[in-house]
Amino acid sequence: MRVGMYYGNNDVRVEEKLKPKIGPGELLVKVMASGICGTDVVEWYRRNRVPLVLGHEIAGEVVEIGDGVKRYKIGDRISASHHVPCGKCHYCLNGHHSACETLRKTSFDPGGFSEFLRIPAINLEKGGVYKLPGGVSFEEATFIEPLACAIRGQRLSWQRPGKGQSVVIIGSGVSGILHIQLARVKGFSKIIATDINDYRLKEARRFGADHVINAKEDVALKVKDLNNGRLADFVILCAGARPAIDQAIKSLDRGGVILVFASADEGFNLLLPMNDFFWRSERSIISSYAANPDEHREALKLIKSRKINVKDMITHRFGLDEIQKGFKLVNEARESIKVIIEPNK
């Protein structure tokens, strides 16, 4: 079978690899769509493990079933979690499924940028495979995983419903736009989005931002202007560049929360003025990573109900032969939002 083998952001090659053989309790899936995630182009995070086949935002059709599998049949349209938590460890029992060692060790074989992949038995055992309802396309289903991550992030970091609350989303790429839409569903009274790219600011407004700010401006000052003289109650950091992190910190009001939803540059260390930022101000910083199967199921419901519009976020589609073009678009982060790879096109 053909795969997109990742050596670096500018070196993704179409190569041949043996089709995976499945064992008891496993599935073989024909991959129909796989989204390129922003984390796929974080080169420093991958460089010690290359070459490898990436792709964790997948949807496809079951073509083989291992012994003992009862819930799925050949022809089922499915999506799946590449990571699954054990559900039994200290972290899982305390609601931190993303810190589970099992979650960090599980994965697909080989990855979504391939014509076929094997879903291991543990993914099925732990509830990490999701049948797609009618009306949800393969392309839309690739958003289940990133939307689930946004759901988890907002749930962990913002549990203070009330009137007149404002949210600022720093960075209006895929994650930022999903957070904008989710904040709209949750009823935030004012949603402000930032980016350095005018194309993405236009898209942020199209998907529900009340106001947009070019990040080249004084973001904190603009937030005050747009928010009746106050900084933001909630800041979601969807960009990891140093200026973006500084803007998130400066834009947060007393009693507010920053959700760290992006990786930073390699080796970045955060320095904060303890007294000015924390003491007497009740500010908080919370991070979030990945999602558990319940959050994937919630994401699928939101997509099915059309409460979250993912279809119109897709800007580019490529077959496997053009996967390098897709990685280039995502890495450049200019006039694209979601880039989908269709391995069997």
C-alpha atoms as a PDB file:
ATOM      1  CA  MET A   1       0.000   0.000   0.000  1.00  0.00           C
ATOM      2  CA  ARG A   2       1.027   3.633  -0.392  1.00  0.00           C
ATOM      3  CA  VAL A   3       1.845   5.862   2.578  1.00  0.00           C
ATOM      4  CA  GLY A   4       2.960   9.444   3.101  1.00  0.00           C
ATOM      5  CA  MET A   5       6.266   9.007   4.922  1.00  0.00           C
ATOM      6  CA  TYR A   6       7.270  12.041   6.985  1.00  0.00           C
ATOM      7  CA  TYR A   7      10.972  12.963   7.145  1.00  0.00           C
ATOM      8  CA  GLY A   8      10.417  16.680   7.738  1.00  0.00           C
ATOM      9  CA  ASN A   9       7.938  19.413   6.876  1.00  0.00           C
ATOM     10  CA  ASN A  10       9.544  19.853   3.463  1.00  0.00           C
ATOM     11  CA  ASP A  11      10.201  16.169   2.902  1.00  0.00           C
ATOM     12  CA  VAL A  12       7.063  14.032   2.912  1.00  0.00           C
ATOM     13  CA  ARG A  13       7.451  11.150   0.454  1.00  0.00           C
ATOM     14  CA  VAL A  14       4.962   8.735  -1.054  1.00  0.00           C
ATOM     15  CA  GLU A  15       6.404   5.286  -0.343  1.00  0.00           C
ATOM     16  CA  GLU A  16       5.306   1.660  -0.409  1.00  0.00           C
ATOM     17  CA  LYS A  17       4.706  -0.210   2.822  1.00  0.00           C
ATOM     18  CA  LEU A  18       3.189  -3.599   3.593  1.00  0.00           C
ATOM     19  CA  LYS A  19      -0.498  -3.485   4.400  1.00  0.00           C
ATOM     20  CA  PRO A  20      -0.938  -4.182   8.145  1.00  0.00           C
ATOM     21  CA  LYS A  21      -2.098  -7.631   9.198  1.00  0.00           C
ATOM     22  CA  ILE A  22      -4.722  -7.631  11.897  1.00  0.00           C
ATOM     23  CA  GLY A  23      -5.031  -9.939  14.880  1.00  0.00           C
ATOM     24  CA  PRO A  24      -7.862 -10.869  17.261  1.00  0.00           C
ATOM     25  CA  GLY A  25      -9.990  -7.938  18.361  1.00  0.00           C
ATOM     26  CA  GLU A  26      -8.592  -5.600  15.691  1.00  0.00           C
ATOM     27  CA  LEU A  27      -9.867  -3.771  12.628  1.00  0.00           C
ATOM     28  CA  LEU A  28      -8.360  -2.977   9.256  1.00  0.00           C
ATOM     29  CA  VAL A  29      -9.651   0.321   7.923  1.00  0.00           C
ATOM     30  CA  LYS A  30      -9.498   1.783   4.441  1.00  0.00           C
ATOM     31  CA  VAL A  31      -8.664   5.426   5.112  1.00  0.00           C
ATOM     32  CA  MET A  32     -10.968   7.754   3.212  1.00  0.00           C
ATOM     33  CA  ALA A  33      -9.922  11.049   4.808  1.00  0.00           C
ATOM     34  CA  SER A  34      -7.230  12.200   7.218  1.00  0.00           C
ATOM     35  CA  GLY A  35      -6.713  15.766   8.387  1.00  0.00           C
ATOM     36  CA  ILE A  36      -3.319  17.407   8.716  1.00  0.00           C
ATOM     37  CA  CYS A  37      -3.093  18.675  12.291  1.00  0.00           C
ATOM     38  CA  GLY A  38      -1.055  21.687  13.321  1.00  0.00           C
ATOM     39  CA  THR A  39       0.949  19.367  15.583  1.00  0.00           C
ATOM     40  CA  ASP A  40       1.970  17.352  12.500  1.00  0.00           C
ATOM     41  CA  VAL A  41       4.217  20.245  11.448  1.00  0.00           C
ATOM     42  CA  VAL A  42       5.880  20.775  14.850  1.00  0.00           C
ATOM     43  CA  GLU A  43       9.167  19.580  13.453  1.00  0.00           C
ATOM     44  CA  TRP A  44      11.267  19.581  16.648  1.00  0.00           C
ATOM     45  CA  TYR A  45       8.724  17.262  18.297  1.00  0.00           C
ATOM     46  CA  ARG A  46       9.101  14.654  15.513  1.00  0.00           C
ATOM     47  CA  ARG A  47      12.722  14.839  14.450  1.00  0.00           C
ATOM     48  CA  ASN A  48      14.062  12.056  16.685  1.00  0.00           C
ATOM     49  CA  ARG A  49      11.414   9.602  15.452  1.00  0.00           C
ATOM     50  CA  VAL A  50      11.489  10.079  11.695  1.00  0.00           C
ATOM     51  CA  PRO A  51      10.760   8.565   9.274  1.00  0.00           C
ATOM     52  CA  LEU A  52       7.186   7.859  10.289  1.00  0.00           C
ATOM     53  CA  VAL A  53       3.640   7.919   8.957  1.00  0.00           C
ATOM     54  CA  LEU A  54       1.603  10.630  10.645  1.00  0.00           C
ATOM     55  CA  GLY A  55      -2.151  11.222  10.577  1.00  0.00           C
ATOM     56  CA  HIS A  56      -4.401  10.876  13.622  1.00  0.00           C
ATOM     57  CA  GLU A  57      -7.572  12.695  12.472  1.00  0.00           C
ATOM     58  CA  ILE A  58      -9.027   9.809  10.490  1.00  0.00           C
ATOM     59  CA  ALA A  59     -12.200   8.448   8.991  1.00  0.00           C
ATOM     60  CA  GLY A  60     -12.664   5.377   6.856  1.00  0.00           C
ATOM     61  CA  GLU A  61     -14.381   2.118   6.094  1.00  0.00           C
ATOM     62  CA  VAL A  62     -13.881  -1.198   7.889  1.00  0.00           C
ATOM     63  CA  VAL A  63     -12.548  -3.766   5.402  1.00  0.00           C
ATOM     64  CA  GLU A  64     -11.366  -6.577   7.708  1.00  0.00           C
ATOM     65  CA  ILE A  65     -12.441  -7.711  11.176  1.00  0.00           C
ATOM     66  CA  GLY A  66     -10.360  -9.694  13.645  1.00  0.00           C
ATOM     67  CA  ASP A  67     -11.608 -12.682  15.610  1.00  0.00           C
ATOM     68  CA  GLY A  68     -13.872 -11.733  18.499  1.00  0.00           C
ATOM     69  CA  VAL A  69     -15.008  -8.368  17.158  1.00  0.00           C
ATOM     70  CA  LYS A  70     -18.785  -8.122  17.566  1.00  0.00           C
ATOM     71  CA  ARG A  71     -19.692  -4.423  17.467  1.00  0.00           C
ATOM     72  CA  TYR A  72     -18.372  -3.669  13.981  1.00  0.00           C
ATOM     73  CA  LYS A  73     -18.826  -5.221  10.568  1.00  0.00           C
ATOM     74  CA  ILE A  74     -17.231  -4.911   7.151  1.00  0.00           C
ATOM     75  CA  GLY A  75     -18.500  -1.778   5.447  1.00  0.00           C
ATOM     76  CA  ASP A  76     -19.022   0.236   8.647  1.00  0.00           C
ATOM     77  CA  ARG A  77     -18.063   3.888   8.338  1.00  0.00           C
ATOM     78  CA  ILE A  78     -15.986   4.835  11.364  1.00  0.00           C
ATOM     79  CA  SER A  79     -13.661   7.291  13.013  1.00  0.00           C
ATOM     80  CA  ALA A  80     -11.319   6.387  15.848  1.00  0.00           C
ATOM     81  CA  SER A  81      -9.091   7.744  18.593  1.00  0.00           C
ATOM     82  CA  HIS A  82      -5.414   7.084  17.990  1.00  0.00           C
ATOM     83  CA  HIS A  83      -4.728   7.409  21.746  1.00  0.00           C
ATOM     84  CA  VAL A  84      -6.934   5.760  24.378  1.00  0.00           C
ATOM     85  CA  PRO A  85      -6.660   5.948  28.183  1.00  0.00           C
ATOM     86  CA  CYS A  86      -6.730   2.861  30.393  1.00  0.00           C
ATOM     87  CA  GLY A  87      -9.579   4.165  32.566  1.00  0.00           C
ATOM     88  CA  LYS A  88      -8.105   2.584  35.709  1.00  0.00           C
ATOM     89  CA  CYS A  89      -4.921   4.450  36.673  1.00  0.00           C
ATOM     90  CA  HIS A  90      -4.559   7.327  39.158  1.00  0.00           C
ATOM     91  CA  TYR A  91      -4.781   9.908  36.378  1.00  0.00           C
ATOM     92  CA  CYS A  92      -7.881   8.446  34.703  1.00  0.00           C
ATOM     93  CA  LEU A  93      -9.697   8.035  38.017  1.00  0.00           C
ATOM     94  CA  ASN A  94      -9.036  11.700  38.758  1.00  0.00           C
ATOM     95  CA  GLY A  95     -10.223  12.986  35.388  1.00  0.00           C
ATOM     96  CA  HIS A  96      -6.790  13.475  33.814  1.00  0.00           C
ATOM     97  CA  HIS A  97      -7.085  10.867  31.075  1.00  0.00           C
ATOM     98  CA  SER A  98      -4.569  12.707  28.910  1.00  0.00           C
ATOM     99  CA  ALA A  99      -1.853  12.125  31.522  1.00  0.00           C
ATOM    100  CA  CYS A 100      -2.433   8.346  31.393  1.00  0.00           C
ATOM    101  CA  GLU A 101       0.613   6.304  30.358  1.00  0.00           C
ATOM    102  CA  THR A 102      -1.556   4.014  28.244  1.00  0.00           C
ATOM    103  CA  LEU A 103      -2.903   6.984  26.289  1.00  0.00           C
ATOM    104  CA  ARG A 104       0.635   8.120  25.562  1.00  0.00           C
ATOM    105  CA  LYS A 105       1.703   4.688  24.290  1.00  0.00           C
ATOM    106  CA  THR A 106      -1.281   3.760  22.094  1.00  0.00           C
ATOM    107  CA  SER A 107      -1.527   4.629  18.412  1.00  0.00           C
ATOM    108  CA  PHE A 108      -2.608   3.493  14.951  1.00  0.00           C
ATOM    109  CA  ASP A 109      -0.544   1.249  12.677  1.00  0.00           C
ATOM    110  CA  PRO A 110       0.866   2.999  10.770  1.00  0.00           C
ATOM    111  CA  GLY A 111      -1.032   6.336  10.633  1.00  0.00           C
ATOM    112  CA  GLY A 112      -3.791   8.111   8.765  1.00  0.00           C
ATOM    113  CA  PHE A 113      -1.661   9.171   5.806  1.00  0.00           C
ATOM    114  CA  SER A 114      -1.826   5.671   4.386  1.00  0.00           C
ATOM    115  CA  GLU A 115      -4.267   3.714   2.273  1.00  0.00           C
ATOM    116  CA  PHE A 116      -5.023   1.304   5.124  1.00  0.00           C
ATOM    117  CA  LEU A 117      -4.398   1.240   8.855  1.00  0.00           C
ATOM    118  CA  ARG A 118      -4.776  -1.235  11.685  1.00  0.00           C
ATOM    119  CA  ILE A 119      -6.742  -0.228  14.758  1.00  0.00           C
ATOM    120  CA  PRO A 120      -5.337  -2.182  17.735  1.00  0.00           C
ATOM    121  CA  ALA A 121      -7.588  -4.207  20.009  1.00  0.00           C
ATOM    122  CA  ILE A 122      -7.053  -1.864  22.970  1.00  0.00           C
ATOM    123  CA  ASN A 123      -8.579   1.014  20.996  1.00  0.00           C
ATOM    124  CA  LEU A 124     -11.739  -1.044  20.530  1.00  0.00           C
ATOM    125  CA  GLU A 125     -11.726  -2.301  24.137  1.00  0.00           C
ATOM    126  CA  LYS A 126     -11.512   1.210  25.560  1.00  0.00           C
ATOM    127  CA  GLY A 127     -14.293   2.624  23.397  1.00  0.00           C
ATOM    128  CA  GLY A 128     -12.082   4.491  20.956  1.00  0.00           C
ATOM    129  CA  VAL A 129     -13.911   3.608  17.726  1.00  0.00           C
ATOM    130  CA  TYR A 130     -16.997   5.553  16.612  1.00  0.00           C
ATOM    131  CA  LYS A 131     -19.566   4.576  13.991  1.00  0.00           C
ATOM    132  CA  LEU A 132     -20.477   7.500  11.772  1.00  0.00           C
ATOM    133  CA  PRO A 133     -24.166   8.330  11.512  1.00  0.00           C
ATOM    134  CA  GLY A 134     -25.792   9.070   8.186  1.00  0.00           C
ATOM    135  CA  GLY A 135     -25.262  12.651   7.143  1.00  0.00           C
ATOM    136  CA  VAL A 136     -21.745  12.907   8.610  1.00  0.00           C
ATOM    137  CA  SER A 137     -19.208  12.622   5.792  1.00  0.00           C
ATOM    138  CA  PHE A 138     -15.743  11.119   6.073  1.00  0.00           C
ATOM    139  CA  GLU A 139     -14.278  14.614   5.725  1.00  0.00           C
ATOM    140  CA  GLU A 140     -16.433  16.018   8.522  1.00  0.00           C
ATOM    141  CA  ALA A 141     -15.506  13.057  10.724  1.00  0.00           C
ATOM    142  CA  THR A 142     -11.828  14.051  10.614  1.00  0.00           C
ATOM    143  CA  PHE A 143     -12.822  16.943  12.892  1.00  0.00           C
ATOM    144  CA  ILE A 144     -14.026  14.655  15.689  1.00  0.00           C
ATOM    145  CA  GLU A 145     -10.571  14.443  17.274  1.00  0.00           C
ATOM    146  CA  PRO A 146      -9.620  18.156  17.138  1.00  0.00           C
ATOM    147  CA  LEU A 147     -13.096  19.218  18.292  1.00  0.00           C
ATOM    148  CA  ALA A 148     -12.934  16.715  21.160  1.00  0.00           C
ATOM    149  CA  CYS A 149      -9.656  18.318  22.232  1.00  0.00           C
ATOM    150  CA  ALA A 150     -11.314  21.766  22.229  1.00  0.00           C
ATOM    151  CA  ILE A 151     -14.237  20.402  24.240  1.00  0.00           C
ATOM    152  CA  ARG A 152     -11.858  18.975  26.826  1.00  0.00           C
ATOM    153  CA  GLY A 153      -9.830  22.169  27.000  1.00  0.00           C
ATOM    154  CA  GLN A 154     -12.835  24.389  27.628  1.00  0.00           C
ATOM    155  CA  ARG A 155     -14.340  21.960  30.116  1.00  0.00           C
ATOM    156  CA  LEU A 156     -11.158  21.732  32.185  1.00  0.00           C
ATOM    157  CA  SER A 157     -10.416  25.437  32.167  1.00  0.00           C
ATOM    158  CA  TRP A 158     -13.776  27.233  32.221  1.00  0.00           C
ATOM    159  CA  GLN A 159     -16.373  26.102  34.744  1.00  0.00           C
ATOM    160  CA  ARG A 160     -17.781  29.488  35.740  1.00  0.00           C
ATOM    161  CA  PRO A 161     -20.921  30.158  33.721  1.00  0.00           C
ATOM    162  CA  GLY A 162     -22.310  33.625  34.195  1.00  0.00           C
ATOM    163  CA  LYS A 163     -23.537  36.727  32.451  1.00  0.00           C
ATOM    164  CA  GLY A 164     -21.341  39.126  30.535  1.00  0.00           C
ATOM    165  CA  GLN A 165     -18.344  36.830  30.161  1.00  0.00           C
ATOM    166  CA  SER A 166     -15.782  37.489  27.449  1.00  0.00           C
ATOM    167  CA  VAL A 167     -13.324  35.176  25.728  1.00  0.00           C
ATOM    168  CA  VAL A 168     -10.281  36.007  23.620  1.00  0.00           C
ATOM    169  CA  ILE A 169      -8.916  33.346  21.260  1.00  0.00           C
ATOM    170  CA  ILE A 170      -5.261  33.959  20.408  1.00  0.00           C
ATOM    171  CA  GLY A 171      -4.673  32.425  16.977  1.00  0.00           C
ATOM    172  CA  SER A 172      -7.406  31.731  14.415  1.00  0.00           C
ATOM    173  CA  GLY A 173      -6.269  28.554  12.728  1.00  0.00           C
ATOM    174  CA  VAL A 174      -8.220  25.285  12.948  1.00  0.00           C
ATOM    175  CA  SER A 175      -8.099  25.090  16.754  1.00  0.00           C
ATOM    176  CA  GLY A 176      -8.937  28.748  17.158  1.00  0.00           C
ATOM    177  CA  ILE A 177     -11.989  28.529  14.896  1.00  0.00           C
ATOM    178  CA  LEU A 178     -13.243  25.395  16.654  1.00  0.00           C
ATOM    179  CA  HIS A 179     -12.881  27.229  19.977  1.00  0.00           C
ATOM    180  CA  ILE A 180     -14.744  30.239  18.561  1.00  0.00           C
ATOM    181  CA  GLN A 181     -17.660  28.039  17.519  1.00  0.00           C
ATOM    182  CA  LEU A 182     -17.666  26.142  20.806  1.00  0.00           C
ATOM    183  CA  ALA A 183     -17.634  29.411  22.771  1.00  0.00           C
ATOM    184  CA  ARG A 184     -20.641  30.532  20.723  1.00  0.00           C
ATOM    185  CA  VAL A 185     -22.480  27.309  21.616  1.00  0.00           C
ATOM    186  CA  LYS A 186     -21.644  27.884  25.291  1.00  0.00           C
ATOM    187  CA  GLY A 187     -23.110  31.365  25.209  1.00  0.00           C
ATOM    188  CA  PHE A 188     -20.166  33.685  25.841  1.00  0.00           C
ATOM    189  CA  SER A 189     -21.398  37.246  25.482  1.00  0.00           C
ATOM    190  CA  LYS A 190     -18.322  38.511  23.672  1.00  0.00           C
ATOM    191  CA  ILE A 191     -15.952  36.479  21.511  1.00  0.00           C
ATOM    192  CA  ILE A 192     -12.768  38.187  20.307  1.00  0.00           C
ATOM    193  CA  ALA A 193     -10.262  36.486  17.999  1.00  0.00           C
ATOM    194  CA  THR A 194      -6.717  37.470  17.046  1.00  0.00           C
ATOM    195  CA  ASP A 195      -4.230  36.494  14.370  1.00  0.00           C
ATOM    196  CA  ILE A 196      -1.435  38.108  12.340  1.00  0.00           C
ATOM    197  CA  ASN A 197      -3.047  36.865   9.126  1.00  0.00           C
ATOM    198  CA  ASP A 198      -5.905  38.907   7.628  1.00  0.00           C
ATOM    199  CA  TYR A 199      -7.291  35.858   5.804  1.00  0.00           C
ATOM    200  CA  ARG A 200      -7.666  33.980   9.088  1.00  0.00           C
ATOM    201  CA  LEU A 201      -9.189  37.003  10.794  1.00  0.00           C
ATOM    202  CA  LYS A 202     -11.830  37.083   8.070  1.00  0.00           C
ATOM    203  CA  GLU A 203     -12.512  33.385   8.655  1.00  0.00           C
ATOM    204  CA  ALA A 204     -12.677  33.913  12.421  1.00  0.00           C
ATOM    205  CA  ARG A 205     -15.415  36.475  11.947  1.00  0.00           C
ATOM    206  CA  ARG A 206     -17.232  34.197   9.480  1.00  0.00           C
ATOM    207  CA  PHE A 207     -17.308  31.398  12.051  1.00  0.00           C
ATOM    208  CA  GLY A 208     -18.661  33.454  14.920  1.00  0.00           C
ATOM    209  CA  ALA A 209     -16.176  35.935  16.388  1.00  0.00           C
ATOM    210  CA  ASP A 210     -17.857  39.193  17.413  1.00  0.00           C
ATOM    211  CA  HIS A 211     -14.617  41.120  16.955  1.00  0.00           C
ATOM    212  CA  VAL A 212     -11.201  40.409  15.447  1.00  0.00           C
ATOM    213  CA  ILE A 213      -7.846  41.996  16.229  1.00  0.00           C
ATOM    214  CA  ASN A 214      -4.722  41.918  14.104  1.00  0.00           C
ATOM    215  CA  ALA A 215      -2.074  40.598  16.491  1.00  0.00           C
ATOM    216  CA  LYS A 216       0.400  43.193  15.200  1.00  0.00           C
ATOM    217  CA  GLU A 217      -1.597  45.746  17.209  1.00  0.00           C
ATOM    218  CA  ASP A 218      -1.641  46.216  20.987  1.00  0.00           C
ATOM    219  CA  VAL A 219      -3.980  43.306  21.660  1.00  0.00           C
ATOM    220  CA  ALA A 220      -4.590  43.975  25.355  1.00  0.00           C
ATOM    221  CA  LEU A 221      -5.468  47.601  24.687  1.00  0.00           C
ATOM    222  CA  LYS A 222      -7.851  46.622  21.882  1.00  0.00           C
ATOM    223  CA  VAL A 223      -9.493  44.019  24.120  1.00  0.00           C
ATOM    224  CA  LYS A 224     -10.195  46.734  26.687  1.00  0.00           C
ATOM    225  CA  ASP A 225     -11.645  48.977  23.997  1.00  0.00           C
ATOM    226  CA  LEU A 226     -13.959  46.207  22.804  1.00  0.00           C
ATOM    227  CA  ASN A 227     -14.883  44.894  26.256  1.00  0.00           C
ATOM    228  CA  ASN A 228     -16.159  47.964  28.112  1.00  0.00           C
ATOM    229  CA  GLY A 229     -12.785  48.813  29.605  1.00  0.00           C
ATOM    230  CA  ARG A 230     -12.051  45.323  30.945  1.00  0.00           C
ATOM    231  CA  LEU A 231      -9.603  42.647  29.935  1.00  0.00           C
ATOM    232  CA  ALA A 232     -10.861  39.151  29.100  1.00  0.00           C
ATOM    233  CA  ASP A 233     -12.371  36.671  31.533  1.00  0.00           C
ATOM    234  CA  PHE A 234     -11.083  33.745  29.515  1.00  0.00           C
ATOM    235  CA  VAL A 235      -8.138  33.562  27.106  1.00  0.00           C
ATOM    236  CA  ILE A 236      -7.546  30.531  24.885  1.00  0.00           C
ATOM    237  CA  LEU A 237      -3.989  30.336  23.584  1.00  0.00           C
ATOM    238  CA  CYS A 238      -3.994  28.596  20.191  1.00  0.00           C
ATOM    239  CA  ALA A 239      -0.601  29.895  19.045  1.00  0.00           C
ATOM    240  CA  GLY A 240       2.750  29.098  20.595  1.00  0.00           C
ATOM    241  CA  ALA A 241       4.936  31.993  19.433  1.00  0.00           C
ATOM    242  CA  ARG A 242       6.421  34.151  22.187  1.00  0.00           C
ATOM    243  CA  PRO A 243       4.473  37.306  21.188  1.00  0.00           C
ATOM    244  CA  ALA A 244       1.211  35.342  21.287  1.00  0.00           C
ATOM    245  CA  ILE A 245       1.985  34.040  24.775  1.00  0.00           C
ATOM    246  CA  ASP A 246       2.797  37.561  25.959  1.00  0.00           C
ATOM    247  CA  GLN A 247      -0.484  38.831  24.498  1.00  0.00           C
ATOM    248  CA  ALA A 248      -2.457  36.111  26.271  1.00  0.00           C
ATOM    249  CA  ILE A 249      -0.940  37.070  29.623  1.00  0.00           C
ATOM    250  CA  LYS A 250      -1.489  40.795  29.121  1.00  0.00           C
ATOM    251  CA  SER A 251      -5.092  40.295  27.951  1.00  0.00           C
ATOM    252  CA  LEU A 252      -6.309  38.399  31.036  1.00  0.00           C
ATOM    253  CA  ASP A 253      -8.462  40.159  33.617  1.00  0.00           C
ATOM    254  CA  ARG A 254      -8.456  39.553  37.378  1.00  0.00           C
ATOM    255  CA  GLY A 255     -10.174  36.280  38.185  1.00  0.00           C
ATOM    256  CA  GLY A 256      -9.573  35.050  34.652  1.00  0.00           C
ATOM    257  CA  VAL A 257      -8.212  31.835  33.187  1.00  0.00           C
ATOM    258  CA  ILE A 258      -5.743  31.157  30.379  1.00  0.00           C
ATOM    259  CA  LEU A 259      -6.135  27.846  28.564  1.00  0.00           C
ATOM    260  CA  VAL A 260      -2.812  26.780  27.051  1.00  0.00           C
ATOM    261  CA  PHE A 261      -3.887  24.905  23.928  1.00  0.00           C
ATOM    262  CA  ALA A 262      -0.719  25.081  21.814  1.00  0.00           C
ATOM    263  CA  SER A 263       2.869  23.948  22.059  1.00  0.00           C
ATOM    264  CA  ALA A 264       5.546  26.636  22.239  1.00  0.00           C
ATOM    265  CA  ASP A 265       8.868  26.907  20.478  1.00  0.00           C
ATOM    266  CA  GLU A 266      11.430  24.301  21.513  1.00  0.00           C
ATOM    267  CA  GLY A 267      13.049  25.160  24.837  1.00  0.00           C
ATOM    268  CA  PHE A 268      10.639  28.002  25.630  1.00  0.00           C
ATOM    269  CA  ASN A 269      10.444  28.824  29.339  1.00  0.00           C
ATOM    270  CA  LEU A 270       7.655  30.955  30.751  1.00  0.00           C
ATOM    271  CA  LEU A 271       8.548  33.705  33.213  1.00  0.00           C
ATOM    272  CA  LEU A 272       5.719  35.407  35.107  1.00  0.00           C
ATOM    273  CA  PRO A 273       5.662  38.193  37.716  1.00  0.00           C
ATOM    274  CA  MET A 274       4.237  36.224  40.651  1.00  0.00           C
ATOM    275  CA  ASN A 275       2.930  39.215  42.569  1.00  0.00           C
ATOM    276  CA  ASP A 276       1.489  41.233  39.693  1.00  0.00           C
ATOM    277  CA  PHE A 277      -0.010  38.305  37.787  1.00  0.00           C
ATOM    278  CA  PHE A 278      -1.136  35.872  40.522  1.00  0.00           C
ATOM    279  CA  TRP A 279      -1.142  37.305  44.035  1.00  0.00           C
ATOM    280  CA  ARG A 280      -4.358  39.172  44.853  1.00  0.00           C
ATOM    281  CA  SER A 281      -5.589  38.713  41.259  1.00  0.00           C
ATOM    282  CA  GLU A 282      -6.893  35.111  41.298  1.00  0.00           C
ATOM    283  CA  ARG A 283      -5.686  34.441  37.774  1.00  0.00           C
ATOM    284  CA  SER A 284      -5.141  30.854  36.630  1.00  0.00           C
ATOM    285  CA  ILE A 285      -3.280  29.092  33.837  1.00  0.00           C
ATOM    286  CA  ILE A 286      -4.496  25.631  32.800  1.00  0.00           C
ATOM    287  CA  SER A 287      -3.218  23.352  30.053  1.00  0.00           C
ATOM    288  CA  SER A 288      -5.042  20.709  28.074  1.00  0.00           C
ATOM    289  CA  TYR A 289      -3.854  17.900  25.823  1.00  0.00           C
ATOM    290  CA  ALA A 290      -5.745  15.350  23.704  1.00  0.00           C
ATOM    291  CA  ALA A 291      -9.205  14.020  24.669  1.00  0.00           C
ATOM    292  CA  ASN A 292     -10.915  10.928  26.006  1.00  0.00           C
ATOM    293  CA  PRO A 293     -13.525   8.765  24.206  1.00  0.00           C
ATOM    294  CA  ASP A 294     -16.474  10.502  25.893  1.00  0.00           C
ATOM    295  CA  GLU A 295     -15.270  13.827  24.499  1.00  0.00           C
ATOM    296  CA  HIS A 296     -14.935  12.276  21.042  1.00  0.00           C
ATOM    297  CA  ARG A 297     -18.548  11.122  21.239  1.00  0.00           C
ATOM    298  CA  GLU A 298     -19.649  14.604  22.338  1.00  0.00           C
ATOM    299  CA  ALA A 299     -17.755  16.089  19.386  1.00  0.00           C
ATOM    300  CA  LEU A 300     -19.498  13.720  16.975  1.00  0.00           C
ATOM    301  CA  LYS A 301     -22.893  14.792  18.347  1.00  0.00           C
ATOM    302  CA  LEU A 302     -22.067  18.474  17.837  1.00  0.00           C
ATOM    303  CA  ILE A 303     -20.943  17.797  14.272  1.00  0.00           C
ATOM    304  CA  LYS A 304     -24.011  15.679  13.503  1.00  0.00           C
ATOM    305  CA  SER A 305     -26.368  18.349  14.898  1.00  0.00           C
ATOM    306  CA  ARG A 306     -24.579  21.059  12.866  1.00  0.00           C
ATOM    307  CA  LYS A 307     -24.073  23.098  16.026  1.00  0.00           C
ATOM    308  CA  ILE A 308     -20.420  23.168  14.988  1.00  0.00           C
ATOM    309  CA  ASN A 309     -19.848  23.834  11.289  1.00  0.00           C
ATOM    310  CA  VAL A 310     -16.786  21.874  10.245  1.00  0.00           C
ATOM    311  CA  LYS A 311     -17.627  21.311   6.590  1.00  0.00           C
ATOM    312  CA  ASP A 312     -16.992  24.943   5.644  1.00  0.00           C
ATOM    313  CA  MET A 313     -13.640  24.940   7.464  1.00  0.00           C
ATOM    314  CA  ILE A 314     -12.165  22.641   4.809  1.00  0.00           C
ATOM    315  CA  THR A 315     -10.171  24.732   2.352  1.00  0.00           C
ATOM    316  CA  HIS A 316      -8.023  22.123   0.582  1.00  0.00           C
ATOM    317  CA  ARG A 317      -8.221  18.450  -0.344  1.00  0.00           C
ATOM    318  CA  PHE A 318      -5.358  16.383  -1.775  1.00  0.00           C
ATOM    319  CA  GLY A 319      -4.731  12.820  -2.766  1.00  0.00           C
ATOM    320  CA  LEU A 320      -1.744  11.024  -1.286  1.00  0.00           C
ATOM    321  CA  ASP A 321       0.391  11.919  -4.321  1.00  0.00           C
ATOM    322  CA  GLU A 322       0.093  15.594  -3.348  1.00  0.00           C
ATOM    323  CA  ILE A 323       0.598  15.244   0.397  1.00  0.00           C
ATOM    324  CA  GLN A 324       3.678  17.489   0.290  1.00  0.00           C
ATOM    325  CA  LYS A 325       1.489  20.347  -0.974  1.00  0.00           C
ATOM    326  CA  GLY A 326      -0.786  19.831   2.011  1.00  0.00           C
ATOM    327  CA  PHE A 327       2.065  19.929   4.507  1.00  0.00           C
ATOM    328  CA  LYS A 328       3.431  23.070   2.857  1.00  0.00           C
ATOM    329  CA  LEU A 329       0.089  24.844   3.236  1.00  0.00           C
ATOM    330  CA  VAL A 330      -0.285  23.876   6.891  1.00  0.00           C
ATOM    331  CA  ASN A 331       3.302  24.787   7.724  1.00  0.00           C
ATOM    332  CA  GLU A 332       3.037  28.188   6.020  1.00  0.00           C
ATOM    333  CA  ALA A 333      -0.313  28.919   7.738  1.00  0.00           C
ATOM    334  CA  ARG A 334      -1.374  31.567   5.241  1.00  0.00           C
ATOM    335  CA  GLU A 335      -4.533  31.134   3.161  1.00  0.00           C
ATOM    336  CA  SER A 336      -5.740  27.778   4.404  1.00  0.00           C
ATOM    337  CA  ILE A 337      -7.739  26.493   7.326  1.00  0.00           C
ATOM    338  CA  LYS A 338      -8.264  22.728   7.202  1.00  0.00           C
ATOM    339  CA  VAL A 339      -6.282  20.572   4.786  1.00  0.00           C
ATOM    340  CA  ILE A 340      -7.567  17.051   4.182  1.00  0.00           C
ATOM    341  CA  ILE A 341      -5.634  14.136   2.692  1.00  0.00           C
ATOM    342  CA  GLU A 342      -7.654  11.469   0.858  1.00  0.00           C
ATOM    343  CA  PRO A 343      -5.324   8.446   0.647  1.00  0.00           C
ATOM    344  CA  ASN A 344      -7.592   6.380  -1.586  1.00  0.00           C
ATOM    345  CA  LYS A 345      -8.570   9.154  -3.974  1.00  0.00           C
END
